[in-house]
Amino acid sequence: MAPRKPRKPQAVDALALNISRWISQHGLQSDPYLNGLLEAIDTKKDLHIWAELNPTEYLPHPQTKAGAQSSRMVRILTVIRNVLVFAPVALTWAAVSAATSGFSQYISANGADVVNFLDFWQNGYEILGSEWRIGNVARLDFLIVLLVIVLTLYISQAGHKVEEIQNASEDEIDRQRLALAIEIHAALHDKRKITTVTMNASLAGAISRLVSATNSLDGAAREIEKATRKLPRA
């Protein structure tokens, strides 16, 4: 006895597998449309109801997860950059406050031997700490501004790259969604409840296939007739 050929999976069974994969891939376990459609396919009940729904309208639009870590890093660096923009101003005014207080102490201690404020701010005269002296503050301000420039260039480039990755991922998701919608429509097309419209559509399709088959047979008959005429007569 010849071995029995494996049963070819039905279109709805293959559709259920693809839907399950799509749900798992995009985390759509709570979507009512997909869950209801899977249940209908599994139980083979009420498929005509789901066949009447337009899948392009009811299929969810998954959010892309591509470039999520890079996008998060860009947001963090953007916040740091925005804060650093005000750092030189805050540092300079803090240094001015410290120098002013120190200069008052210097004047009180030295009386007539008084230098100008900028000279005191630069040298400190053992009153003002080195971290508050104008040269060190200016150097630190320069480094902060340079860091802000570097961060701005990096954020711009990285943000553009993340945007390209996300756009490409969204286009791929849209392509998969459209392919799945077409598959749903094709698999459930013959499950629709019979109405005048569907009956006419089915009848029109059958007539079209019959006409095509008739034309093919007519062409084959003509070819056979031509070949017969070329055969030598007895």
Foldseek 3Di string as FASTA:
>chain_A
DDDDDDDDDALLVVLLVLLVVVCVVQVVPPQPLSVVSNVCSVVVPPLQVNLVDQLVVRPDQGADPPCVVLVVVLVVLVVVLVVLVCVLVVLLVVLVVLLVVQLVVVCVVPPPPHDDSLVCLQPVPVRRDPCSRPVNSVVVNVVSVVVSVVSVVVSVVSVVVSVVRSVVRSVVSVVSSVVSSVSSNVSSVVVHDDDPVSVVVVVVVVVVVVVVVVVVVVVVVVVVVVVVVPDDDD
